[in-house]
Amino acid sequence: MTAIVDLDTLRFGPDGLLPVIVQEVESGAVRMLAWANREALERTLSTGQVWFWSRSRQSLWRKGETSGNGLDLVELAVDCDADSVLVRVRATGPSCHTGARTCFENEANRPDPARLELGWLAAVIASRRGAEPETSYTARLLAEGVERIAQKVGEEGVETALAGFAAGANPQDPDRHRRLTEESADLLYHLLVLLEACGVDPAEVAAELGRRHAGT
């Protein structure tokens, strides 16, 4: 849901522009940096699609209008000096003109395992929905339906619990530690497949956790 932004408070540069940082909402990865004038921001807020100002062409442009790799607006935030904007998006396809997912495709901008960022995995799972079941385990699971996926979640939950019990009994055993790690990954993956099959956005789960945290 987009924040209410008063464009009159923004401090555009002498050329009428300000920088726009585009961030992928699922993983937090920075997709790209571009420029926008007031009209571009107005269009972004009114259409839900991200618009920019091209300094080379001297014209407005919507990301994805020719490539199809669009940016759906989730939230727009203004920095503390009101002279730059952060746009959080859900992206379709790559964002860089080179074909890379982001214009900052490096190790520092990939999902951080230490933070257990799973939005990227949810996006991959969603992209597999139309794949051939013969070539994709995820597509095969989705084709088998919710009952089978829910069964897998139950199985993986039991295996994770058993692995946790074993690891807790001997925390120094690297094999038990690795087993718990592997079973936890299986459980999280199958849970995300279940959410996809049921049409539940993982962001809804994150929001619920946020509400519970705020309640504490």
N, C-alpha and C. Protein backbone atom coordinates (compact mmCIF):
# COMPACT_ATOMS: atom_id res chain seq x y z
N MET A 1 0.85 -1.19 0.00
CA MET A 1 0.00 0.00 0.00
C MET A 1 0.88 1.23 0.00
N THR A 2 0.67 2.16 -0.91
CA THR A 2 1.53 3.32 -1.04
C THR A 2 1.31 4.32 0.09
N ALA A 3 2.42 4.92 0.50
CA ALA A 3 2.32 5.96 1.52
C ALA A 3 1.76 7.23 0.90
N ILE A 4 1.11 8.02 1.71
CA ILE A 4 0.61 9.31 1.24
C ILE A 4 1.78 10.28 1.18
N VAL A 5 2.07 10.78 -0.01
CA VAL A 5 3.22 11.65 -0.21
C VAL A 5 2.74 13.00 -0.74
N ASP A 6 3.14 14.06 -0.07
CA ASP A 6 2.83 15.41 -0.53
C ASP A 6 3.96 15.85 -1.45
N LEU A 7 3.69 15.85 -2.74
CA LEU A 7 4.74 16.19 -3.70
C LEU A 7 5.23 17.63 -3.56
N ASP A 8 4.41 18.48 -2.93
CA ASP A 8 4.83 19.88 -2.73
C ASP A 8 5.99 19.99 -1.75
N THR A 9 6.20 18.95 -0.94
CA THR A 9 7.28 19.01 0.05
C THR A 9 8.62 18.54 -0.54
N LEU A 10 8.60 17.99 -1.74
CA LEU A 10 9.83 17.47 -2.34
C LEU A 10 10.73 18.60 -2.83
N ARG A 11 12.01 18.36 -2.74
CA ARG A 11 13.01 19.34 -3.17
C ARG A 11 13.65 18.85 -4.47
N PHE A 12 13.03 19.22 -5.59
CA PHE A 12 13.57 18.86 -6.89
C PHE A 12 14.81 19.71 -7.18
N GLY A 13 15.71 19.17 -7.97
CA GLY A 13 16.92 19.89 -8.33
C GLY A 13 16.63 21.03 -9.30
N PRO A 14 17.65 21.81 -9.65
CA PRO A 14 17.48 22.93 -10.58
C PRO A 14 16.90 22.49 -11.93
N ASP A 15 17.13 21.22 -12.28
CA ASP A 15 16.60 20.69 -13.54
C ASP A 15 15.20 20.10 -13.38
N GLY A 16 14.64 20.24 -12.16
CA GLY A 16 13.30 19.72 -11.92
C GLY A 16 13.25 18.23 -11.65
N LEU A 17 14.41 17.63 -11.38
CA LEU A 17 14.47 16.19 -11.20
C LEU A 17 14.98 15.83 -9.80
N LEU A 18 14.70 14.61 -9.40
CA LEU A 18 15.32 14.03 -8.20
C LEU A 18 15.55 12.54 -8.45
N PRO A 19 16.52 11.95 -7.73
CA PRO A 19 16.83 10.53 -7.95
C PRO A 19 15.76 9.63 -7.33
N VAL A 20 15.52 8.52 -8.01
CA VAL A 20 14.56 7.52 -7.55
C VAL A 20 15.28 6.19 -7.42
N ILE A 21 15.33 5.66 -6.21
CA ILE A 21 15.94 4.37 -5.94
C ILE A 21 14.83 3.32 -5.96
N VAL A 22 15.00 2.29 -6.78
CA VAL A 22 13.98 1.26 -6.92
C VAL A 22 14.43 0.01 -6.15
N GLN A 23 13.62 -0.40 -5.19
CA GLN A 23 13.96 -1.54 -4.34
C GLN A 23 12.92 -2.65 -4.48
N GLU A 24 13.40 -3.87 -4.65
CA GLU A 24 12.52 -5.04 -4.74
C GLU A 24 11.96 -5.35 -3.36
N VAL A 25 10.65 -5.38 -3.25
CA VAL A 25 10.04 -5.51 -1.93
C VAL A 25 10.26 -6.89 -1.33
N GLU A 26 10.36 -7.95 -2.19
CA GLU A 26 10.49 -9.29 -1.64
C GLU A 26 11.83 -9.52 -0.95
N SER A 27 12.91 -9.06 -1.59
CA SER A 27 14.24 -9.37 -1.06
C SER A 27 14.98 -8.17 -0.50
N GLY A 28 14.51 -6.96 -0.83
CA GLY A 28 15.25 -5.76 -0.41
C GLY A 28 16.35 -5.37 -1.37
N ALA A 29 16.53 -6.14 -2.45
CA ALA A 29 17.58 -5.83 -3.42
C ALA A 29 17.28 -4.52 -4.14
N VAL A 30 18.32 -3.73 -4.39
CA VAL A 30 18.18 -2.50 -5.16
C VAL A 30 18.15 -2.87 -6.64
N ARG A 31 17.06 -2.57 -7.30
CA ARG A 31 16.91 -2.92 -8.71
C ARG A 31 17.62 -1.94 -9.64
N MET A 32 17.44 -0.64 -9.40
CA MET A 32 17.99 0.36 -10.29
C MET A 32 17.88 1.75 -9.66
N LEU A 33 18.53 2.70 -10.29
CA LEU A 33 18.38 4.11 -9.92
C LEU A 33 18.06 4.88 -11.19
N ALA A 34 17.06 5.75 -11.10
CA ALA A 34 16.69 6.57 -12.25
C ALA A 34 16.27 7.94 -11.74
N TRP A 35 15.70 8.75 -12.62
CA TRP A 35 15.34 10.12 -12.27
C TRP A 35 13.87 10.36 -12.57
N ALA A 36 13.28 11.24 -11.81
CA ALA A 36 11.86 11.56 -12.02
C ALA A 36 11.62 13.03 -11.79
N ASN A 37 10.68 13.59 -12.55
CA ASN A 37 10.19 14.93 -12.25
C ASN A 37 8.83 14.79 -11.57
N ARG A 38 8.18 15.88 -11.31
CA ARG A 38 6.92 15.82 -10.57
C ARG A 38 5.86 15.03 -11.34
N GLU A 39 5.80 15.24 -12.67
CA GLU A 39 4.79 14.55 -13.45
C GLU A 39 5.00 13.03 -13.42
N ALA A 40 6.25 12.60 -13.46
CA ALA A 40 6.54 11.16 -13.41
C ALA A 40 6.05 10.57 -12.09
N LEU A 41 6.29 11.29 -10.99
CA LEU A 41 5.83 10.80 -9.69
C LEU A 41 4.31 10.81 -9.59
N GLU A 42 3.68 11.82 -10.19
CA GLU A 42 2.22 11.87 -10.19
C GLU A 42 1.65 10.66 -10.93
N ARG A 43 2.26 10.33 -12.06
CA ARG A 43 1.80 9.18 -12.83
C ARG A 43 2.04 7.87 -12.07
N THR A 44 3.18 7.81 -11.40
CA THR A 44 3.48 6.62 -10.60
C THR A 44 2.41 6.39 -9.54
N LEU A 45 2.06 7.45 -8.84
CA LEU A 45 1.07 7.34 -7.77
C LEU A 45 -0.33 7.07 -8.30
N SER A 46 -0.66 7.62 -9.46
CA SER A 46 -2.02 7.48 -9.98
C SER A 46 -2.24 6.16 -10.71
N THR A 47 -1.17 5.61 -11.31
CA THR A 47 -1.33 4.39 -12.11
C THR A 47 -0.87 3.13 -11.40
N GLY A 48 -0.01 3.28 -10.39
CA GLY A 48 0.54 2.10 -9.73
C GLY A 48 1.68 1.47 -10.51
N GLN A 49 2.07 2.08 -11.62
CA GLN A 49 3.23 1.67 -12.40
C GLN A 49 4.29 2.76 -12.27
N VAL A 50 5.57 2.37 -12.21
CA VAL A 50 6.62 3.34 -11.95
C VAL A 50 7.05 4.05 -13.23
N TRP A 51 7.00 5.38 -13.17
CA TRP A 51 7.39 6.24 -14.29
C TRP A 51 8.65 7.02 -13.92
N PHE A 52 9.41 7.38 -14.95
CA PHE A 52 10.64 8.15 -14.78
C PHE A 52 10.71 9.25 -15.82
N TRP A 53 11.77 10.07 -15.69
CA TRP A 53 12.10 11.06 -16.72
C TRP A 53 13.43 10.67 -17.33
N SER A 54 13.45 10.53 -18.65
CA SER A 54 14.68 10.17 -19.35
C SER A 54 15.48 11.44 -19.64
N ARG A 55 16.67 11.53 -19.06
CA ARG A 55 17.50 12.71 -19.29
C ARG A 55 18.08 12.70 -20.70
N SER A 56 18.28 11.53 -21.28
CA SER A 56 18.83 11.47 -22.64
C SER A 56 17.78 11.79 -23.69
N ARG A 57 16.56 11.28 -23.49
CA ARG A 57 15.49 11.52 -24.47
C ARG A 57 14.66 12.75 -24.14
N GLN A 58 14.83 13.24 -22.91
CA GLN A 58 14.05 14.39 -22.45
C GLN A 58 12.55 14.12 -22.56
N SER A 59 12.15 12.98 -21.99
CA SER A 59 10.74 12.62 -22.05
C SER A 59 10.39 11.68 -20.90
N LEU A 60 9.11 11.58 -20.61
CA LEU A 60 8.63 10.63 -19.61
C LEU A 60 8.70 9.21 -20.17
N TRP A 61 8.94 8.25 -19.29
CA TRP A 61 8.88 6.87 -19.74
C TRP A 61 8.47 5.97 -18.58
N ARG A 62 7.72 4.94 -18.93
CA ARG A 62 7.28 3.96 -17.94
C ARG A 62 8.15 2.72 -18.07
N LYS A 63 8.71 2.29 -16.98
CA LYS A 63 9.55 1.10 -16.99
C LYS A 63 8.74 -0.10 -17.48
N GLY A 64 9.23 -0.75 -18.55
CA GLY A 64 8.55 -1.91 -19.08
C GLY A 64 7.65 -1.64 -20.27
N GLU A 65 7.54 -0.37 -20.69
CA GLU A 65 6.61 -0.05 -21.77
C GLU A 65 7.02 -0.70 -23.10
N THR A 66 8.31 -0.98 -23.28
CA THR A 66 8.75 -1.68 -24.49
C THR A 66 9.22 -3.09 -24.20
N SER A 67 9.85 -3.29 -23.04
CA SER A 67 10.40 -4.61 -22.71
C SER A 67 9.39 -5.53 -22.04
N GLY A 68 8.38 -4.96 -21.42
CA GLY A 68 7.44 -5.75 -20.64
C GLY A 68 7.90 -6.00 -19.22
N ASN A 69 9.11 -5.54 -18.89
CA ASN A 69 9.67 -5.75 -17.55
C ASN A 69 9.28 -4.58 -16.64
N GLY A 70 8.04 -4.58 -16.24
CA GLY A 70 7.50 -3.44 -15.50
C GLY A 70 7.78 -3.48 -14.01
N LEU A 71 7.41 -2.38 -13.37
CA LEU A 71 7.57 -2.24 -11.92
C LEU A 71 6.23 -1.85 -11.32
N ASP A 72 5.66 -2.72 -10.50
CA ASP A 72 4.40 -2.43 -9.83
C ASP A 72 4.69 -1.77 -8.49
N LEU A 73 4.12 -0.60 -8.29
CA LEU A 73 4.37 0.17 -7.08
C LEU A 73 3.75 -0.50 -5.85
N VAL A 74 4.56 -0.64 -4.81
CA VAL A 74 4.07 -1.11 -3.51
C VAL A 74 4.06 0.04 -2.51
N GLU A 75 5.14 0.79 -2.48
CA GLU A 75 5.26 1.88 -1.51
C GLU A 75 6.22 2.93 -2.04
N LEU A 76 5.93 4.17 -1.74
CA LEU A 76 6.81 5.27 -2.10
C LEU A 76 7.16 6.04 -0.84
N ALA A 77 8.45 6.21 -0.60
CA ALA A 77 8.92 6.90 0.61
C ALA A 77 9.90 8.00 0.23
N VAL A 78 9.93 9.04 1.03
CA VAL A 78 10.81 10.18 0.79
C VAL A 78 11.91 10.19 1.83
N ASP A 79 13.12 10.55 1.44
CA ASP A 79 14.23 10.56 2.40
C ASP A 79 14.14 11.77 3.32
N CYS A 80 15.05 11.82 4.29
CA CYS A 80 14.97 12.83 5.35
C CYS A 80 15.15 14.25 4.83
N ASP A 81 15.84 14.42 3.71
CA ASP A 81 16.04 15.76 3.14
C ASP A 81 15.03 16.09 2.06
N ALA A 82 14.14 15.14 1.78
CA ALA A 82 13.08 15.32 0.77
C ALA A 82 13.63 15.61 -0.62
N ASP A 83 14.86 15.12 -0.88
CA ASP A 83 15.43 15.35 -2.21
C ASP A 83 15.74 14.06 -2.96
N SER A 84 15.22 12.94 -2.46
CA SER A 84 15.30 11.68 -3.19
C SER A 84 14.14 10.80 -2.73
N VAL A 85 13.83 9.80 -3.57
CA VAL A 85 12.66 8.97 -3.32
C VAL A 85 13.05 7.49 -3.39
N LEU A 86 12.50 6.72 -2.47
CA LEU A 86 12.63 5.27 -2.50
C LEU A 86 11.31 4.69 -2.97
N VAL A 87 11.37 3.91 -4.05
CA VAL A 87 10.18 3.25 -4.56
C VAL A 87 10.34 1.76 -4.37
N ARG A 88 9.47 1.17 -3.57
CA ARG A 88 9.51 -0.27 -3.34
C ARG A 88 8.50 -0.92 -4.29
N VAL A 89 8.95 -1.96 -4.98
CA VAL A 89 8.17 -2.49 -6.10
C VAL A 89 8.11 -4.02 -6.08
N ARG A 90 7.18 -4.53 -6.86
CA ARG A 90 7.20 -5.91 -7.31
C ARG A 90 7.51 -5.85 -8.80
N ALA A 91 8.59 -6.51 -9.18
CA ALA A 91 9.10 -6.37 -10.54
C ALA A 91 8.73 -7.57 -11.40
N THR A 92 8.47 -7.28 -12.67
CA THR A 92 8.26 -8.33 -13.66
C THR A 92 9.51 -8.42 -14.52
N GLY A 93 10.22 -9.54 -14.44
CA GLY A 93 11.41 -9.71 -15.25
C GLY A 93 12.58 -8.90 -14.74
N PRO A 94 13.68 -8.89 -15.50
CA PRO A 94 14.88 -8.14 -15.10
C PRO A 94 14.66 -6.63 -15.22
N SER A 95 15.47 -5.87 -14.51
CA SER A 95 15.34 -4.41 -14.55
C SER A 95 16.47 -3.71 -15.28
N CYS A 96 17.60 -4.40 -15.45
CA CYS A 96 18.75 -3.78 -16.09
C CYS A 96 18.68 -3.97 -17.61
N HIS A 97 19.16 -2.96 -18.36
CA HIS A 97 19.14 -3.06 -19.82
C HIS A 97 20.05 -4.18 -20.33
N THR A 98 20.95 -4.67 -19.48
CA THR A 98 21.83 -5.77 -19.87
C THR A 98 21.13 -7.12 -19.79
N GLY A 99 19.93 -7.14 -19.19
CA GLY A 99 19.22 -8.39 -18.98
C GLY A 99 19.41 -8.95 -17.59
N ALA A 100 20.24 -8.30 -16.79
CA ALA A 100 20.43 -8.73 -15.41
C ALA A 100 19.22 -8.35 -14.56
N ARG A 101 19.02 -9.09 -13.48
CA ARG A 101 17.90 -8.81 -12.58
C ARG A 101 17.96 -7.39 -12.05
N THR A 102 19.15 -6.93 -11.67
CA THR A 102 19.30 -5.58 -11.16
C THR A 102 20.48 -4.90 -11.85
N CYS A 103 20.55 -3.59 -11.71
CA CYS A 103 21.69 -2.85 -12.24
C CYS A 103 22.89 -2.93 -11.31
N PHE A 104 22.70 -3.57 -10.16
CA PHE A 104 23.76 -3.74 -9.17
C PHE A 104 23.92 -5.22 -8.89
N GLU A 105 24.10 -6.01 -9.93
CA GLU A 105 24.14 -7.47 -9.79
C GLU A 105 25.50 -7.89 -9.26
N ASN A 106 25.60 -7.97 -7.94
CA ASN A 106 26.84 -8.41 -7.30
C ASN A 106 26.50 -9.11 -6.00
N GLU A 107 27.50 -9.64 -5.35
CA GLU A 107 27.27 -10.41 -4.14
C GLU A 107 26.56 -9.60 -3.05
N ALA A 108 26.91 -8.31 -2.96
CA ALA A 108 26.34 -7.48 -1.89
C ALA A 108 24.85 -7.26 -2.08
N ASN A 109 24.34 -7.45 -3.31
CA ASN A 109 22.95 -7.14 -3.58
C ASN A 109 22.10 -8.40 -3.75
N ARG A 110 22.66 -9.55 -3.43
CA ARG A 110 21.90 -10.78 -3.50
C ARG A 110 21.23 -11.04 -2.15
N PRO A 111 20.21 -11.91 -2.13
CA PRO A 111 19.53 -12.19 -0.85
C PRO A 111 20.53 -12.58 0.24
N ASP A 112 20.30 -12.07 1.42
CA ASP A 112 21.20 -12.31 2.54
C ASP A 112 20.70 -13.52 3.33
N PRO A 113 21.37 -14.68 3.23
CA PRO A 113 20.90 -15.86 3.94
C PRO A 113 20.81 -15.66 5.44
N ALA A 114 21.67 -14.79 5.98
CA ALA A 114 21.67 -14.58 7.42
C ALA A 114 20.37 -13.95 7.90
N ARG A 115 19.68 -13.25 7.01
CA ARG A 115 18.40 -12.63 7.37
C ARG A 115 17.21 -13.48 6.95
N LEU A 116 17.50 -14.66 6.38
CA LEU A 116 16.46 -15.58 5.94
C LEU A 116 15.47 -14.86 5.02
N GLU A 117 15.99 -14.17 4.01
CA GLU A 117 15.14 -13.50 3.04
C GLU A 117 14.57 -14.54 2.09
N LEU A 118 13.27 -14.67 2.06
CA LEU A 118 12.64 -15.72 1.26
C LEU A 118 11.75 -15.18 0.14
N GLY A 119 11.64 -13.86 0.05
CA GLY A 119 10.81 -13.29 -1.01
C GLY A 119 11.30 -13.69 -2.39
N TRP A 120 12.62 -13.74 -2.56
CA TRP A 120 13.17 -14.14 -3.86
C TRP A 120 12.75 -15.55 -4.21
N LEU A 121 12.72 -16.46 -3.21
CA LEU A 121 12.33 -17.84 -3.46
C LEU A 121 10.84 -17.91 -3.81
N ALA A 122 10.03 -17.11 -3.12
CA ALA A 122 8.60 -17.08 -3.43
C ALA A 122 8.38 -16.62 -4.87
N ALA A 123 9.18 -15.66 -5.33
CA ALA A 123 9.05 -15.18 -6.71
C ALA A 123 9.44 -16.27 -7.70
N VAL A 124 10.49 -17.01 -7.38
CA VAL A 124 10.90 -18.12 -8.25
C VAL A 124 9.80 -19.17 -8.31
N ILE A 125 9.22 -19.51 -7.18
CA ILE A 125 8.15 -20.50 -7.13
C ILE A 125 6.97 -20.04 -7.98
N ALA A 126 6.60 -18.77 -7.87
CA ALA A 126 5.49 -18.24 -8.67
C ALA A 126 5.79 -18.34 -10.16
N SER A 127 7.04 -18.13 -10.53
CA SER A 127 7.42 -18.17 -11.95
C SER A 127 7.37 -19.58 -12.51
N ARG A 128 7.40 -20.58 -11.65
CA ARG A 128 7.39 -21.97 -12.10
C ARG A 128 5.98 -22.49 -12.37
N ARG A 129 4.97 -21.70 -12.03
CA ARG A 129 3.59 -22.18 -12.15
C ARG A 129 3.27 -22.63 -13.57
N GLY A 130 3.78 -21.96 -14.56
CA GLY A 130 3.47 -22.32 -15.94
C GLY A 130 4.48 -23.24 -16.59
N ALA A 131 5.46 -23.71 -15.82
CA ALA A 131 6.50 -24.57 -16.39
C ALA A 131 5.97 -25.98 -16.61
N GLU A 132 6.71 -26.75 -17.40
CA GLU A 132 6.35 -28.15 -17.64
C GLU A 132 6.63 -28.98 -16.39
N PRO A 133 5.65 -29.72 -15.90
CA PRO A 133 5.86 -30.56 -14.70
C PRO A 133 7.01 -31.54 -14.85
N GLU A 134 7.29 -31.95 -16.08
CA GLU A 134 8.37 -32.91 -16.30
C GLU A 134 9.74 -32.29 -16.06
N THR A 135 9.82 -30.99 -16.15
CA THR A 135 11.12 -30.32 -16.02
C THR A 135 11.26 -29.54 -14.72
N SER A 136 10.20 -29.42 -13.94
CA SER A 136 10.24 -28.61 -12.72
C SER A 136 9.49 -29.30 -11.59
N TYR A 137 10.20 -29.58 -10.50
CA TYR A 137 9.56 -30.18 -9.34
C TYR A 137 8.48 -29.26 -8.78
N THR A 138 8.76 -27.95 -8.77
CA THR A 138 7.77 -26.99 -8.26
C THR A 138 6.51 -27.02 -9.11
N ALA A 139 6.67 -27.01 -10.43
CA ALA A 139 5.51 -27.06 -11.32
C ALA A 139 4.72 -28.35 -11.11
N ARG A 140 5.43 -29.46 -10.88
CA ARG A 140 4.77 -30.73 -10.66
C ARG A 140 3.96 -30.71 -9.36
N LEU A 141 4.54 -30.12 -8.32
CA LEU A 141 3.81 -30.00 -7.05
C LEU A 141 2.55 -29.16 -7.23
N LEU A 142 2.69 -28.02 -7.89
CA LEU A 142 1.54 -27.14 -8.09
C LEU A 142 0.45 -27.83 -8.91
N ALA A 143 0.89 -28.64 -9.88
CA ALA A 143 -0.08 -29.36 -10.70
C ALA A 143 -0.82 -30.43 -9.90
N GLU A 144 -0.15 -31.01 -8.89
CA GLU A 144 -0.76 -32.06 -8.08
C GLU A 144 -1.81 -31.52 -7.13
N GLY A 145 -1.74 -30.21 -6.83
CA GLY A 145 -2.80 -29.60 -6.04
C GLY A 145 -2.49 -29.40 -4.57
N VAL A 146 -3.39 -28.66 -3.92
CA VAL A 146 -3.19 -28.24 -2.54
C VAL A 146 -3.08 -29.42 -1.59
N GLU A 147 -3.90 -30.45 -1.80
CA GLU A 147 -3.90 -31.58 -0.87
C GLU A 147 -2.52 -32.23 -0.80
N ARG A 148 -1.91 -32.46 -1.98
CA ARG A 148 -0.59 -33.07 -2.01
C ARG A 148 0.46 -32.15 -1.40
N ILE A 149 0.38 -30.86 -1.70
CA ILE A 149 1.36 -29.91 -1.17
C ILE A 149 1.24 -29.83 0.35
N ALA A 150 0.00 -29.77 0.86
CA ALA A 150 -0.21 -29.73 2.30
C ALA A 150 0.35 -30.99 2.97
N GLN A 151 0.19 -32.13 2.29
CA GLN A 151 0.75 -33.36 2.82
C GLN A 151 2.26 -33.27 2.93
N LYS A 152 2.90 -32.69 1.90
CA LYS A 152 4.36 -32.53 1.92
C LYS A 152 4.79 -31.61 3.06
N VAL A 153 4.03 -30.54 3.29
CA VAL A 153 4.36 -29.63 4.39
C VAL A 153 4.30 -30.38 5.72
N GLY A 154 3.27 -31.22 5.88
CA GLY A 154 3.16 -32.01 7.10
C GLY A 154 4.33 -32.96 7.27
N GLU A 155 4.70 -33.64 6.18
CA GLU A 155 5.82 -34.58 6.25
C GLU A 155 7.11 -33.86 6.61
N GLU A 156 7.35 -32.73 5.94
CA GLU A 156 8.58 -31.99 6.20
C GLU A 156 8.59 -31.41 7.60
N GLY A 157 7.40 -31.03 8.10
CA GLY A 157 7.32 -30.51 9.47
C GLY A 157 7.73 -31.56 10.49
N VAL A 158 7.25 -32.78 10.28
CA VAL A 158 7.61 -33.88 11.19
C VAL A 158 9.10 -34.16 11.12
N GLU A 159 9.64 -34.21 9.89
CA GLU A 159 11.07 -34.50 9.73
C GLU A 159 11.93 -33.40 10.34
N THR A 160 11.47 -32.14 10.22
CA THR A 160 12.21 -31.04 10.82
C THR A 160 12.18 -31.14 12.34
N ALA A 161 11.02 -31.48 12.88
CA ALA A 161 10.90 -31.63 14.34
C ALA A 161 11.82 -32.75 14.85
N LEU A 162 11.85 -33.86 14.15
CA LEU A 162 12.71 -34.97 14.56
C LEU A 162 14.19 -34.59 14.45
N ALA A 163 14.52 -33.87 13.37
CA ALA A 163 15.91 -33.43 13.22
C ALA A 163 16.29 -32.44 14.31
N GLY A 164 15.34 -31.59 14.70
CA GLY A 164 15.60 -30.64 15.77
C GLY A 164 15.80 -31.34 17.10
N PHE A 165 14.99 -32.36 17.34
CA PHE A 165 15.13 -33.14 18.58
C PHE A 165 16.52 -33.78 18.63
N ALA A 166 16.96 -34.36 17.51
CA ALA A 166 18.26 -35.01 17.46
C ALA A 166 19.39 -34.01 17.63
N ALA A 167 19.26 -32.85 16.96
CA ALA A 167 20.31 -31.83 17.05
C ALA A 167 20.37 -31.24 18.45
N GLY A 168 19.23 -31.08 19.08
CA GLY A 168 19.21 -30.54 20.44
C GLY A 168 19.83 -31.47 21.46
N ALA A 169 19.72 -32.77 21.17
CA ALA A 169 20.29 -33.75 22.09
C ALA A 169 21.81 -33.76 22.03
N ASN A 170 22.35 -33.31 20.89
CA ASN A 170 23.80 -33.28 20.73
C ASN A 170 24.17 -32.10 19.84
N PRO A 171 24.17 -30.88 20.39
CA PRO A 171 24.41 -29.67 19.59
C PRO A 171 25.77 -29.63 18.90
N GLN A 172 26.72 -30.40 19.37
CA GLN A 172 28.07 -30.36 18.81
C GLN A 172 28.25 -31.32 17.62
N ASP A 173 27.24 -32.09 17.32
CA ASP A 173 27.33 -33.05 16.22
C ASP A 173 27.06 -32.34 14.90
N PRO A 174 28.07 -32.20 14.03
CA PRO A 174 27.88 -31.46 12.77
C PRO A 174 26.88 -32.13 11.84
N ASP A 175 26.81 -33.45 11.87
CA ASP A 175 25.87 -34.16 11.00
C ASP A 175 24.43 -33.86 11.38
N ARG A 176 24.15 -33.82 12.69
CA ARG A 176 22.80 -33.50 13.15
C ARG A 176 22.46 -32.03 12.87
N HIS A 177 23.45 -31.17 13.01
CA HIS A 177 23.27 -29.76 12.69
C HIS A 177 22.91 -29.59 11.21
N ARG A 178 23.67 -30.28 10.35
CA ARG A 178 23.42 -30.19 8.91
C ARG A 178 22.05 -30.75 8.55
N ARG A 179 21.68 -31.85 9.21
CA ARG A 179 20.38 -32.46 8.94
C ARG A 179 19.25 -31.51 9.28
N LEU A 180 19.35 -30.83 10.41
CA LEU A 180 18.31 -29.87 10.79
C LEU A 180 18.26 -28.73 9.79
N THR A 181 19.42 -28.27 9.34
CA THR A 181 19.46 -27.20 8.34
C THR A 181 18.75 -27.63 7.06
N GLU A 182 19.06 -28.83 6.60
CA GLU A 182 18.47 -29.32 5.35
C GLU A 182 16.96 -29.52 5.47
N GLU A 183 16.52 -30.09 6.58
CA GLU A 183 15.09 -30.32 6.76
C GLU A 183 14.33 -28.99 6.90
N SER A 184 14.97 -28.01 7.54
CA SER A 184 14.34 -26.69 7.68
C SER A 184 14.16 -26.03 6.31
N ALA A 185 15.18 -26.18 5.45
CA ALA A 185 15.09 -25.63 4.09
C ALA A 185 13.95 -26.30 3.32
N ASP A 186 13.83 -27.63 3.46
CA ASP A 186 12.75 -28.35 2.79
C ASP A 186 11.39 -27.86 3.27
N LEU A 187 11.26 -27.67 4.58
CA LEU A 187 9.98 -27.24 5.15
C LEU A 187 9.61 -25.85 4.64
N LEU A 188 10.55 -24.91 4.67
CA LEU A 188 10.27 -23.55 4.23
C LEU A 188 9.90 -23.52 2.76
N TYR A 189 10.63 -24.28 1.95
CA TYR A 189 10.32 -24.34 0.52
C TYR A 189 8.90 -24.84 0.29
N HIS A 190 8.54 -25.96 0.90
CA HIS A 190 7.21 -26.52 0.67
C HIS A 190 6.11 -25.62 1.24
N LEU A 191 6.40 -24.92 2.31
CA LEU A 191 5.42 -23.97 2.85
C LEU A 191 5.17 -22.84 1.84
N LEU A 192 6.23 -22.35 1.21
CA LEU A 192 6.06 -21.29 0.21
C LEU A 192 5.30 -21.80 -1.01
N VAL A 193 5.52 -23.05 -1.39
CA VAL A 193 4.74 -23.63 -2.49
C VAL A 193 3.26 -23.69 -2.10
N LEU A 194 2.98 -24.07 -0.86
CA LEU A 194 1.59 -24.12 -0.39
C LEU A 194 0.94 -22.74 -0.44
N LEU A 195 1.68 -21.71 -0.01
CA LEU A 195 1.13 -20.35 -0.07
C LEU A 195 0.83 -19.95 -1.51
N GLU A 196 1.73 -20.29 -2.42
CA GLU A 196 1.51 -19.98 -3.83
C GLU A 196 0.28 -20.70 -4.35
N ALA A 197 0.14 -21.97 -4.02
CA ALA A 197 -1.00 -22.75 -4.49
C ALA A 197 -2.33 -22.21 -3.97
N CYS A 198 -2.30 -21.64 -2.76
CA CYS A 198 -3.52 -21.12 -2.13
C CYS A 198 -3.75 -19.64 -2.42
N GLY A 199 -2.84 -19.03 -3.18
CA GLY A 199 -3.01 -17.62 -3.52
C GLY A 199 -2.73 -16.67 -2.37
N VAL A 200 -1.89 -17.09 -1.44
CA VAL A 200 -1.54 -16.24 -0.30
C VAL A 200 -0.17 -15.63 -0.55
N ASP A 201 -0.11 -14.31 -0.58
CA ASP A 201 1.16 -13.61 -0.77
C ASP A 201 1.98 -13.72 0.52
N PRO A 202 3.25 -14.15 0.44
CA PRO A 202 4.09 -14.20 1.65
C PRO A 202 4.15 -12.87 2.39
N ALA A 203 3.92 -11.76 1.66
CA ALA A 203 3.92 -10.46 2.32
C ALA A 203 2.79 -10.36 3.34
N GLU A 204 1.69 -11.09 3.12
CA GLU A 204 0.60 -11.10 4.09
C GLU A 204 1.04 -11.77 5.39
N VAL A 205 1.84 -12.83 5.24
CA VAL A 205 2.37 -13.51 6.44
C VAL A 205 3.32 -12.58 7.18
N ALA A 206 4.18 -11.88 6.40
CA ALA A 206 5.11 -10.94 7.02
C ALA A 206 4.36 -9.82 7.74
N ALA A 207 3.26 -9.35 7.12
CA ALA A 207 2.47 -8.29 7.75
C ALA A 207 1.83 -8.78 9.05
N GLU A 208 1.37 -10.01 9.05
CA GLU A 208 0.77 -10.57 10.26
C GLU A 208 1.80 -10.69 11.37
N LEU A 209 3.00 -11.13 11.02
CA LEU A 209 4.08 -11.19 12.02
C LEU A 209 4.40 -9.79 12.54
N GLY A 210 4.37 -8.80 11.63
CA GLY A 210 4.62 -7.43 12.06
C GLY A 210 3.57 -6.92 13.01
N ARG A 211 2.31 -7.28 12.73
CA ARG A 211 1.22 -6.86 13.62
C ARG A 211 1.39 -7.50 15.00
N ARG A 212 1.77 -8.77 15.01
CA ARG A 212 1.95 -9.46 16.30
C ARG A 212 3.13 -8.85 17.08
N HIS A 213 4.19 -8.50 16.36
CA HIS A 213 5.34 -7.87 17.02
C HIS A 213 4.93 -6.52 17.60
N ALA A 214 4.17 -5.74 16.81
CA ALA A 214 3.72 -4.44 17.31
C ALA A 214 2.81 -4.59 18.51
N GLY A 215 2.04 -5.67 18.53
CA GLY A 215 1.15 -5.92 19.67
C GLY A 215 1.87 -6.25 20.94
N THR A 216 3.13 -6.74 20.83
CA THR A 216 3.87 -7.07 22.02
C THR A 216 4.52 -5.84 22.61
